[in-house]
Amino acid sequence: MIAKQGKIQLVVFDWAGTTIDFGSCAPATAFAKVFAAHGVQVSDEEARRPMGLNKREHLISMLSTDGISKRWHESKGAPWTDADVSLMYDQFVPYQLEAIEQSSQLVPHLLDVIGILQADEIKVGNTTGYFRAAAELVSQAASRQGFVPDANVCADDVPKGRPAPWMIYQVMQKLNVFPPQSVVKIGDTVADIEAGLNAGCWTIGICDSSSIMGLSLDDYCQLDPATKANKLDTTASVFQNAGSHFTIASIEDLPRVISQINQRLGDGERP
């Protein structure tokens, strides 16, 4: 097969916060519950900060912050250990699956965008920091609503999750797509952007539904225009500081950005 180097062939999406579960509420809820079960209260911001990582690594990242580490010590009378992480991960799994059942609506306009991509012969893949059972559950929920990606890879399928590029490469291999400059990675976390950059792909941060924005669809829609614009700008700046090639306010803007990338590829640019 001869690689097409002048056109985007594949878009690799994320699940929660990008294609489903506006605001990525399911993971944040599950992390707050598992810490509460150990007598440690964490804020929504603390639960979301490492979002996008493999979930065990997410727990370690939270426990490693000064604030949570101190509160853990105060609650338990000792520093956290690897055994604590293993126990918390086992407890986290059912919380996560329960939260997915309650937060599994596709983001608005996703199906319209997928239709536009497929009409342009662009393949669609998904990667996620979810473990396999959670990835299957969210995939089933999406399928019932009409979204079935061409490939679905989760953190359990690779030696290391984000920001390593392996999940993106596995999607590319499954769908026989190369080179990396013909691939777009879009996601709602800094880890998504870092993985895309490490893979050599074009990267896009999505703002309105993102974990960084951190609002449910109802809460987002109730923002007044000035507050909404300010929060979108703040979220976009987080992606830009992480090195994202593009940011978009909502998924509706994706086809427009892909047209821009195709134009830049035609001019000989690379990500």
C-alpha atoms as a PDB file:
ATOM      1  CA  MET A   1       0.000   0.000   0.000  1.00  0.00           C
ATOM      2  CA  ILE A   2       1.306   3.465  -0.856  1.00  0.00           C
ATOM      3  CA  ALA A   3       0.817   5.963   1.983  1.00  0.00           C
ATOM      4  CA  LYS A   4      -1.216   9.033   1.176  1.00  0.00           C
ATOM      5  CA  GLN A   5       0.896  11.885   2.534  1.00  0.00           C
ATOM      6  CA  GLY A   6      -1.190  14.857   1.454  1.00  0.00           C
ATOM      7  CA  LYS A   7      -4.441  14.231   3.272  1.00  0.00           C
ATOM      8  CA  ILE A   8      -5.717  13.270   6.710  1.00  0.00           C
ATOM      9  CA  GLN A   9      -6.655   9.578   6.696  1.00  0.00           C
ATOM     10  CA  LEU A  10      -7.453   8.928  10.353  1.00  0.00           C
ATOM     11  CA  VAL A  11      -8.823  10.798  13.361  1.00  0.00           C
ATOM     12  CA  VAL A  12      -8.101   9.229  16.753  1.00  0.00           C
ATOM     13  CA  PHE A  13     -10.634  10.393  19.320  1.00  0.00           C
ATOM     14  CA  ASP A  14     -10.772   9.983  23.084  1.00  0.00           C
ATOM     15  CA  TRP A  15     -13.900   8.685  24.856  1.00  0.00           C
ATOM     16  CA  ALA A  16     -14.990  10.550  28.038  1.00  0.00           C
ATOM     17  CA  GLY A  17     -14.994  14.315  27.565  1.00  0.00           C
ATOM     18  CA  THR A  18     -14.426  14.125  23.816  1.00  0.00           C
ATOM     19  CA  THR A  19     -17.023  11.849  22.182  1.00  0.00           C
ATOM     20  CA  ILE A  20     -19.161  10.830  25.171  1.00  0.00           C
ATOM     21  CA  ASP A  21     -19.853  12.008  28.733  1.00  0.00           C
ATOM     22  CA  PHE A  22     -19.780  15.805  28.254  1.00  0.00           C
ATOM     23  CA  GLY A  23     -17.482  17.235  30.952  1.00  0.00           C
ATOM     24  CA  SER A  24     -15.906  13.824  31.641  1.00  0.00           C
ATOM     25  CA  CYS A  25     -17.984  13.460  34.779  1.00  0.00           C
ATOM     26  CA  ALA A  26     -17.773   9.657  35.128  1.00  0.00           C
ATOM     27  CA  PRO A  27     -14.038   9.357  35.934  1.00  0.00           C
ATOM     28  CA  ALA A  28     -14.005  12.398  38.246  1.00  0.00           C
ATOM     29  CA  THR A  29     -16.955  11.015  40.222  1.00  0.00           C
ATOM     30  CA  ALA A  30     -15.343   7.593  40.602  1.00  0.00           C
ATOM     31  CA  PHE A  31     -12.007   9.001  41.827  1.00  0.00           C
ATOM     32  CA  ALA A  32     -13.741  11.214  44.413  1.00  0.00           C
ATOM     33  CA  LYS A  33     -15.694   8.194  45.713  1.00  0.00           C
ATOM     34  CA  VAL A  34     -12.682   5.930  46.142  1.00  0.00           C
ATOM     35  CA  PHE A  35     -10.768   8.575  48.108  1.00  0.00           C
ATOM     36  CA  ALA A  36     -13.831   9.307  50.235  1.00  0.00           C
ATOM     37  CA  ALA A  37     -14.025   5.590  51.058  1.00  0.00           C
ATOM     38  CA  HIS A  38     -10.590   6.026  52.680  1.00  0.00           C
ATOM     39  CA  GLY A  39     -11.613   9.137  54.607  1.00  0.00           C
ATOM     40  CA  VAL A  40      -9.810  11.534  52.254  1.00  0.00           C
ATOM     41  CA  GLN A  41     -11.852  14.290  50.630  1.00  0.00           C
ATOM     42  CA  VAL A  42     -10.606  15.499  47.241  1.00  0.00           C
ATOM     43  CA  SER A  43     -11.880  18.415  45.190  1.00  0.00           C
ATOM     44  CA  ASP A  44     -13.239  18.028  41.676  1.00  0.00           C
ATOM     45  CA  GLU A  45     -10.158  19.862  40.387  1.00  0.00           C
ATOM     46  CA  GLU A  46      -7.831  17.473  42.232  1.00  0.00           C
ATOM     47  CA  ALA A  47      -9.697  14.466  40.815  1.00  0.00           C
ATOM     48  CA  ARG A  48      -9.466  15.821  37.260  1.00  0.00           C
ATOM     49  CA  ARG A  49      -5.886  17.130  37.190  1.00  0.00           C
ATOM     50  CA  PRO A  50      -4.203  13.886  35.940  1.00  0.00           C
ATOM     51  CA  MET A  51      -7.125  12.990  33.648  1.00  0.00           C
ATOM     52  CA  GLY A  52      -6.204  11.020  30.544  1.00  0.00           C
ATOM     53  CA  LEU A  53      -3.679   8.755  32.253  1.00  0.00           C
ATOM     54  CA  ASN A  54      -4.044   5.042  32.884  1.00  0.00           C
ATOM     55  CA  LYS A  55      -6.339   4.886  35.933  1.00  0.00           C
ATOM     56  CA  ARG A  56      -3.771   3.263  38.267  1.00  0.00           C
ATOM     57  CA  GLU A  57      -1.253   5.954  37.292  1.00  0.00           C
ATOM     58  CA  HIS A  58      -3.988   8.521  37.853  1.00  0.00           C
ATOM     59  CA  LEU A  59      -4.366   7.326  41.448  1.00  0.00           C
ATOM     60  CA  ILE A  60      -0.603   7.507  42.014  1.00  0.00           C
ATOM     61  CA  SER A  61      -0.485  11.006  40.528  1.00  0.00           C
ATOM     62  CA  MET A  62      -3.252  12.184  42.880  1.00  0.00           C
ATOM     63  CA  LEU A  63      -1.657  10.560  45.937  1.00  0.00           C
ATOM     64  CA  SER A  64       1.693  12.143  45.058  1.00  0.00           C
ATOM     65  CA  THR A  65       0.438  15.727  45.325  1.00  0.00           C
ATOM     66  CA  ASP A  66       1.406  17.520  48.539  1.00  0.00           C
ATOM     67  CA  GLY A  67      -2.177  18.269  49.559  1.00  0.00           C
ATOM     68  CA  ILE A  68      -3.652  14.792  49.111  1.00  0.00           C
ATOM     69  CA  SER A  69      -0.521  13.099  50.469  1.00  0.00           C
ATOM     70  CA  LYS A  70      -0.845  15.189  53.656  1.00  0.00           C
ATOM     71  CA  ARG A  71      -4.565  14.458  54.021  1.00  0.00           C
ATOM     72  CA  TRP A  72      -3.916  10.741  53.491  1.00  0.00           C
ATOM     73  CA  HIS A  73      -1.277  10.754  56.231  1.00  0.00           C
ATOM     74  CA  GLU A  74      -3.648  12.601  58.578  1.00  0.00           C
ATOM     75  CA  SER A  75      -6.447  10.095  57.884  1.00  0.00           C
ATOM     76  CA  LYS A  76      -4.382   6.903  57.965  1.00  0.00           C
ATOM     77  CA  GLY A  77      -1.537   7.849  60.269  1.00  0.00           C
ATOM     78  CA  ALA A  78       0.996   6.686  57.673  1.00  0.00           C
ATOM     79  CA  PRO A  79       2.136   7.524  54.133  1.00  0.00           C
ATOM     80  CA  TRP A  80       0.379   5.802  51.216  1.00  0.00           C
ATOM     81  CA  THR A  81       1.971   2.628  49.827  1.00  0.00           C
ATOM     82  CA  ASP A  82       1.853   0.538  46.656  1.00  0.00           C
ATOM     83  CA  ALA A  83      -0.483  -1.828  48.494  1.00  0.00           C
ATOM     84  CA  ASP A  84      -2.847   1.095  49.124  1.00  0.00           C
ATOM     85  CA  VAL A  85      -2.787   1.907  45.395  1.00  0.00           C
ATOM     86  CA  SER A  86      -3.627  -1.703  44.494  1.00  0.00           C
ATOM     87  CA  LEU A  87      -6.498  -1.763  46.980  1.00  0.00           C
ATOM     88  CA  MET A  88      -7.826   1.589  45.765  1.00  0.00           C
ATOM     89  CA  TYR A  89      -7.629   0.484  42.132  1.00  0.00           C
ATOM     90  CA  ASP A  90      -9.666  -2.639  42.895  1.00  0.00           C
ATOM     91  CA  GLN A  91     -12.228  -0.460  44.694  1.00  0.00           C
ATOM     92  CA  PHE A  92     -12.183   2.111  41.879  1.00  0.00           C
ATOM     93  CA  VAL A  93     -13.236  -0.355  39.159  1.00  0.00           C
ATOM     94  CA  PRO A  94     -16.887  -0.832  40.248  1.00  0.00           C
ATOM     95  CA  TYR A  95     -17.231   2.904  41.007  1.00  0.00           C
ATOM     96  CA  GLN A  96     -16.023   3.645  37.478  1.00  0.00           C
ATOM     97  CA  LEU A  97     -18.366   1.160  35.804  1.00  0.00           C
ATOM     98  CA  GLU A  98     -21.321   2.509  37.793  1.00  0.00           C
ATOM     99  CA  ALA A  99     -20.450   6.099  36.835  1.00  0.00           C
ATOM    100  CA  ILE A 100     -20.182   5.209  33.141  1.00  0.00           C
ATOM    101  CA  GLU A 101     -23.716   3.769  33.237  1.00  0.00           C
ATOM    102  CA  GLN A 102     -24.901   7.152  34.533  1.00  0.00           C
ATOM    103  CA  SER A 103     -22.847   9.361  32.157  1.00  0.00           C
ATOM    104  CA  SER A 104     -22.924   7.785  28.717  1.00  0.00           C
ATOM    105  CA  GLN A 105     -24.572  10.270  26.364  1.00  0.00           C
ATOM    106  CA  LEU A 106     -22.724  11.154  23.168  1.00  0.00           C
ATOM    107  CA  VAL A 107     -21.617  14.790  22.986  1.00  0.00           C
ATOM    108  CA  PRO A 108     -23.893  16.963  20.825  1.00  0.00           C
ATOM    109  CA  HIS A 109     -23.264  16.888  17.048  1.00  0.00           C
ATOM    110  CA  LEU A 110     -20.801  13.974  17.222  1.00  0.00           C
ATOM    111  CA  LEU A 111     -22.737  11.800  14.777  1.00  0.00           C
ATOM    112  CA  ASP A 112     -22.966  14.655  12.263  1.00  0.00           C
ATOM    113  CA  VAL A 113     -19.188  15.130  12.439  1.00  0.00           C
ATOM    114  CA  ILE A 114     -18.495  11.395  12.085  1.00  0.00           C
ATOM    115  CA  GLY A 115     -20.724  11.355   9.007  1.00  0.00           C
ATOM    116  CA  ILE A 116     -18.712  14.193   7.446  1.00  0.00           C
ATOM    117  CA  LEU A 117     -15.412  12.404   8.168  1.00  0.00           C
ATOM    118  CA  GLN A 118     -16.614   9.101   6.758  1.00  0.00           C
ATOM    119  CA  ALA A 119     -17.966  10.811   3.645  1.00  0.00           C
ATOM    120  CA  ASP A 120     -14.407  12.083   3.117  1.00  0.00           C
ATOM    121  CA  GLU A 121     -13.044   8.513   3.573  1.00  0.00           C
ATOM    122  CA  ILE A 122     -11.406   9.395   6.901  1.00  0.00           C
ATOM    123  CA  LYS A 123     -11.190   6.484   9.334  1.00  0.00           C
ATOM    124  CA  VAL A 124     -12.159   6.888  12.983  1.00  0.00           C
ATOM    125  CA  GLY A 125     -10.372   5.368  15.987  1.00  0.00           C
ATOM    126  CA  ASN A 126     -10.735   5.743  19.752  1.00  0.00           C
ATOM    127  CA  THR A 127      -8.181   5.518  22.567  1.00  0.00           C
ATOM    128  CA  THR A 128      -8.791   5.847  26.290  1.00  0.00           C
ATOM    129  CA  GLY A 129      -7.212   5.717  29.712  1.00  0.00           C
ATOM    130  CA  TYR A 130     -10.029   3.369  30.733  1.00  0.00           C
ATOM    131  CA  PHE A 131      -9.290  -0.268  31.569  1.00  0.00           C
ATOM    132  CA  ARG A 132     -10.764  -2.914  29.234  1.00  0.00           C
ATOM    133  CA  ALA A 133     -14.098  -3.484  31.007  1.00  0.00           C
ATOM    134  CA  ALA A 134     -14.761   0.267  31.134  1.00  0.00           C
ATOM    135  CA  ALA A 135     -13.692   0.723  27.509  1.00  0.00           C
ATOM    136  CA  GLU A 136     -16.087  -2.030  26.441  1.00  0.00           C
ATOM    137  CA  LEU A 137     -18.933  -0.549  28.486  1.00  0.00           C
ATOM    138  CA  VAL A 138     -18.510   2.927  27.053  1.00  0.00           C
ATOM    139  CA  SER A 139     -18.146   1.494  23.545  1.00  0.00           C
ATOM    140  CA  GLN A 140     -21.415  -0.419  23.944  1.00  0.00           C
ATOM    141  CA  ALA A 141     -23.200   2.732  25.142  1.00  0.00           C
ATOM    142  CA  ALA A 142     -21.867   4.662  22.142  1.00  0.00           C
ATOM    143  CA  SER A 143     -22.876   1.881  19.757  1.00  0.00           C
ATOM    144  CA  ARG A 144     -26.463   1.965  21.020  1.00  0.00           C
ATOM    145  CA  GLN A 145     -26.512   5.671  20.085  1.00  0.00           C
ATOM    146  CA  GLY A 146     -25.069   5.081  16.612  1.00  0.00           C
ATOM    147  CA  PHE A 147     -21.316   5.664  17.062  1.00  0.00           C
ATOM    148  CA  VAL A 148     -19.050   2.725  16.245  1.00  0.00           C
ATOM    149  CA  PRO A 149     -15.371   3.618  15.683  1.00  0.00           C
ATOM    150  CA  ASP A 150     -13.278   1.573  13.261  1.00  0.00           C
ATOM    151  CA  ALA A 151     -10.852   0.693  16.089  1.00  0.00           C
ATOM    152  CA  ASN A 152     -11.010   0.970  19.881  1.00  0.00           C
ATOM    153  CA  VAL A 153      -7.809   0.673  21.957  1.00  0.00           C
ATOM    154  CA  CYS A 154      -7.554   1.090  25.741  1.00  0.00           C
ATOM    155  CA  ALA A 155      -4.748   1.444  28.286  1.00  0.00           C
ATOM    156  CA  ASP A 156      -4.792  -2.302  29.032  1.00  0.00           C
ATOM    157  CA  ASP A 157      -3.863  -3.059  25.399  1.00  0.00           C
ATOM    158  CA  VAL A 158      -0.426  -1.409  25.481  1.00  0.00           C
ATOM    159  CA  PRO A 159       2.737  -1.497  27.651  1.00  0.00           C
ATOM    160  CA  LYS A 160       2.146   2.085  28.847  1.00  0.00           C
ATOM    161  CA  GLY A 161      -0.755   4.489  28.470  1.00  0.00           C
ATOM    162  CA  ARG A 162      -0.613   8.206  27.730  1.00  0.00           C
ATOM    163  CA  PRO A 163       1.477  10.208  27.266  1.00  0.00           C
ATOM    164  CA  ALA A 164       3.195   7.304  25.488  1.00  0.00           C
ATOM    165  CA  PRO A 165       2.112   7.074  21.823  1.00  0.00           C
ATOM    166  CA  TRP A 166       1.435   3.312  21.812  1.00  0.00           C
ATOM    167  CA  MET A 167      -2.370   3.430  21.760  1.00  0.00           C
ATOM    168  CA  ILE A 168      -2.310   5.749  18.736  1.00  0.00           C
ATOM    169  CA  TYR A 169       0.205   3.520  16.966  1.00  0.00           C
ATOM    170  CA  GLN A 170      -1.936   0.460  17.676  1.00  0.00           C
ATOM    171  CA  VAL A 171      -4.973   2.160  16.115  1.00  0.00           C
ATOM    172  CA  MET A 172      -2.843   3.112  13.087  1.00  0.00           C
ATOM    173  CA  GLN A 173      -1.654  -0.490  12.772  1.00  0.00           C
ATOM    174  CA  LYS A 174      -5.160  -1.931  13.099  1.00  0.00           C
ATOM    175  CA  LEU A 175      -6.444   0.393  10.369  1.00  0.00           C
ATOM    176  CA  ASN A 176      -3.291   0.229   8.217  1.00  0.00           C
ATOM    177  CA  VAL A 177      -2.817   4.004   8.240  1.00  0.00           C
ATOM    178  CA  PHE A 178       0.519   5.785   7.957  1.00  0.00           C
ATOM    179  CA  PRO A 179       2.508   8.054   8.117  1.00  0.00           C
ATOM    180  CA  PRO A 180       1.768   9.846  11.449  1.00  0.00           C
ATOM    181  CA  GLN A 181       1.357  13.204   9.705  1.00  0.00           C
ATOM    182  CA  SER A 182      -1.802  11.816   8.077  1.00  0.00           C
ATOM    183  CA  VAL A 183      -3.306  11.275  11.541  1.00  0.00           C
ATOM    184  CA  VAL A 184      -5.130  13.686  13.874  1.00  0.00           C
ATOM    185  CA  LYS A 185      -5.278  13.055  17.630  1.00  0.00           C
ATOM    186  CA  ILE A 186      -8.107  14.910  19.315  1.00  0.00           C
ATOM    187  CA  GLY A 187      -8.836  14.832  23.018  1.00  0.00           C
ATOM    188  CA  ASP A 188      -9.953  16.737  26.085  1.00  0.00           C
ATOM    189  CA  THR A 189      -6.864  16.369  28.305  1.00  0.00           C
ATOM    190  CA  VAL A 190      -3.230  17.441  28.271  1.00  0.00           C
ATOM    191  CA  ALA A 191      -2.297  13.744  28.219  1.00  0.00           C
ATOM    192  CA  ASP A 192      -4.159  13.380  24.899  1.00  0.00           C
ATOM    193  CA  ILE A 193      -2.147  16.228  23.401  1.00  0.00           C
ATOM    194  CA  GLU A 194       1.150  14.874  24.742  1.00  0.00           C
ATOM    195  CA  ALA A 195       0.414  11.408  23.335  1.00  0.00           C
ATOM    196  CA  GLY A 196      -0.410  12.882  19.932  1.00  0.00           C
ATOM    197  CA  LEU A 197       2.779  14.943  19.897  1.00  0.00           C
ATOM    198  CA  ASN A 198       4.828  11.906  20.928  1.00  0.00           C
ATOM    199  CA  ALA A 199       3.237   9.961  18.068  1.00  0.00           C
ATOM    200  CA  GLY A 200       4.155  12.669  15.541  1.00  0.00           C
ATOM    201  CA  CYS A 201       0.501  13.448  14.747  1.00  0.00           C
ATOM    202  CA  TRP A 202      -1.483  16.646  14.423  1.00  0.00           C
ATOM    203  CA  THR A 203      -3.112  17.439  17.765  1.00  0.00           C
ATOM    204  CA  ILE A 204      -6.402  19.160  18.605  1.00  0.00           C
ATOM    205  CA  GLY A 205      -7.728  20.058  22.039  1.00  0.00           C
ATOM    206  CA  ILE A 206     -11.504  20.193  22.401  1.00  0.00           C
ATOM    207  CA  CYS A 207     -12.737  22.736  24.940  1.00  0.00           C
ATOM    208  CA  ASP A 208     -16.456  22.772  25.714  1.00  0.00           C
ATOM    209  CA  SER A 209     -16.915  19.117  26.698  1.00  0.00           C
ATOM    210  CA  SER A 210     -13.456  18.707  28.215  1.00  0.00           C
ATOM    211  CA  SER A 211     -12.390  17.548  31.637  1.00  0.00           C
ATOM    212  CA  ILE A 212     -10.474  20.821  31.910  1.00  0.00           C
ATOM    213  CA  MET A 213     -13.754  22.744  31.498  1.00  0.00           C
ATOM    214  CA  GLY A 214     -15.213  20.224  33.951  1.00  0.00           C
ATOM    215  CA  LEU A 215     -18.911  21.053  33.502  1.00  0.00           C
ATOM    216  CA  SER A 216     -21.864  18.847  32.636  1.00  0.00           C
ATOM    217  CA  LEU A 217     -23.773  19.778  29.473  1.00  0.00           C
ATOM    218  CA  ASP A 218     -26.580  21.330  31.532  1.00  0.00           C
ATOM    219  CA  ASP A 219     -24.156  23.401  33.623  1.00  0.00           C
ATOM    220  CA  TYR A 220     -22.231  24.494  30.519  1.00  0.00           C
ATOM    221  CA  CYS A 221     -25.401  25.586  28.709  1.00  0.00           C
ATOM    222  CA  GLN A 222     -26.445  27.698  31.704  1.00  0.00           C
ATOM    223  CA  LEU A 223     -23.283  29.831  31.596  1.00  0.00           C
ATOM    224  CA  ASP A 224     -23.807  33.424  30.514  1.00  0.00           C
ATOM    225  CA  PRO A 225     -22.031  34.302  27.226  1.00  0.00           C
ATOM    226  CA  ALA A 226     -19.178  36.254  28.835  1.00  0.00           C
ATOM    227  CA  THR A 227     -18.396  33.519  31.371  1.00  0.00           C
ATOM    228  CA  LYS A 228     -18.605  30.842  28.695  1.00  0.00           C
ATOM    229  CA  ALA A 229     -16.190  32.734  26.429  1.00  0.00           C
ATOM    230  CA  ASN A 230     -13.772  33.271  29.314  1.00  0.00           C
ATOM    231  CA  LYS A 231     -13.820  29.580  30.283  1.00  0.00           C
ATOM    232  CA  LEU A 232     -13.335  28.507  26.659  1.00  0.00           C
ATOM    233  CA  ASP A 233     -10.309  30.812  26.368  1.00  0.00           C
ATOM    234  CA  THR A 234      -8.849  29.505  29.633  1.00  0.00           C
ATOM    235  CA  THR A 235      -9.297  25.895  28.524  1.00  0.00           C
ATOM    236  CA  ALA A 236      -7.792  26.601  25.110  1.00  0.00           C
ATOM    237  CA  SER A 237      -4.728  28.176  26.745  1.00  0.00           C
ATOM    238  CA  VAL A 238      -4.098  24.953  28.696  1.00  0.00           C
ATOM    239  CA  PHE A 239      -3.993  22.970  25.437  1.00  0.00           C
ATOM    240  CA  GLN A 240      -1.849  25.618  23.723  1.00  0.00           C
ATOM    241  CA  ASN A 241       0.634  25.589  26.591  1.00  0.00           C
ATOM    242  CA  ALA A 242       0.849  21.804  26.174  1.00  0.00           C
ATOM    243  CA  GLY A 243       1.828  22.317  22.517  1.00  0.00           C
ATOM    244  CA  SER A 244      -1.469  21.521  20.789  1.00  0.00           C
ATOM    245  CA  HIS A 245      -1.481  22.426  17.101  1.00  0.00           C
ATOM    246  CA  PHE A 246      -5.143  23.523  17.248  1.00  0.00           C
ATOM    247  CA  THR A 247      -7.920  24.070  19.760  1.00  0.00           C
ATOM    248  CA  ILE A 248     -11.627  23.983  18.961  1.00  0.00           C
ATOM    249  CA  ALA A 249     -14.560  25.248  20.994  1.00  0.00           C
ATOM    250  CA  SER A 250     -16.702  22.204  20.163  1.00  0.00           C
ATOM    251  CA  ILE A 251     -16.667  19.029  18.087  1.00  0.00           C
ATOM    252  CA  GLU A 252     -18.602  20.855  15.348  1.00  0.00           C
ATOM    253  CA  ASP A 253     -15.412  22.724  14.455  1.00  0.00           C
ATOM    254  CA  LEU A 254     -13.409  19.565  13.665  1.00  0.00           C
ATOM    255  CA  PRO A 255     -14.152  19.281   9.907  1.00  0.00           C
ATOM    256  CA  ARG A 256     -13.087  22.908   9.413  1.00  0.00           C
ATOM    257  CA  VAL A 257      -9.756  22.280  11.143  1.00  0.00           C
ATOM    258  CA  ILE A 258      -9.132  19.111   9.136  1.00  0.00           C
ATOM    259  CA  SER A 259      -9.595  21.147   5.957  1.00  0.00           C
ATOM    260  CA  GLN A 260      -6.938  23.553   7.268  1.00  0.00           C
ATOM    261  CA  ILE A 261      -4.576  20.665   8.022  1.00  0.00           C
ATOM    262  CA  ASN A 262      -5.082  19.204   4.536  1.00  0.00           C
ATOM    263  CA  GLN A 263      -4.187  22.586   3.110  1.00  0.00           C
ATOM    264  CA  ARG A 264      -1.007  22.743   5.201  1.00  0.00           C
ATOM    265  CA  LEU A 265      -0.082  19.184   4.209  1.00  0.00           C
ATOM    266  CA  GLY A 266      -0.555  20.175   0.586  1.00  0.00           C
ATOM    267  CA  ASP A 267       1.889  23.032   1.172  1.00  0.00           C
ATOM    268  CA  GLY A 268       4.436  20.545   2.493  1.00  0.00           C
ATOM    269  CA  GLU A 269       4.007  21.259   6.226  1.00  0.00           C
ATOM    270  CA  ARG A 270       4.321  18.544   8.825  1.00  0.00           C
ATOM    271  CA  PRO A 271       3.116  18.499  12.467  1.00  0.00           C
END
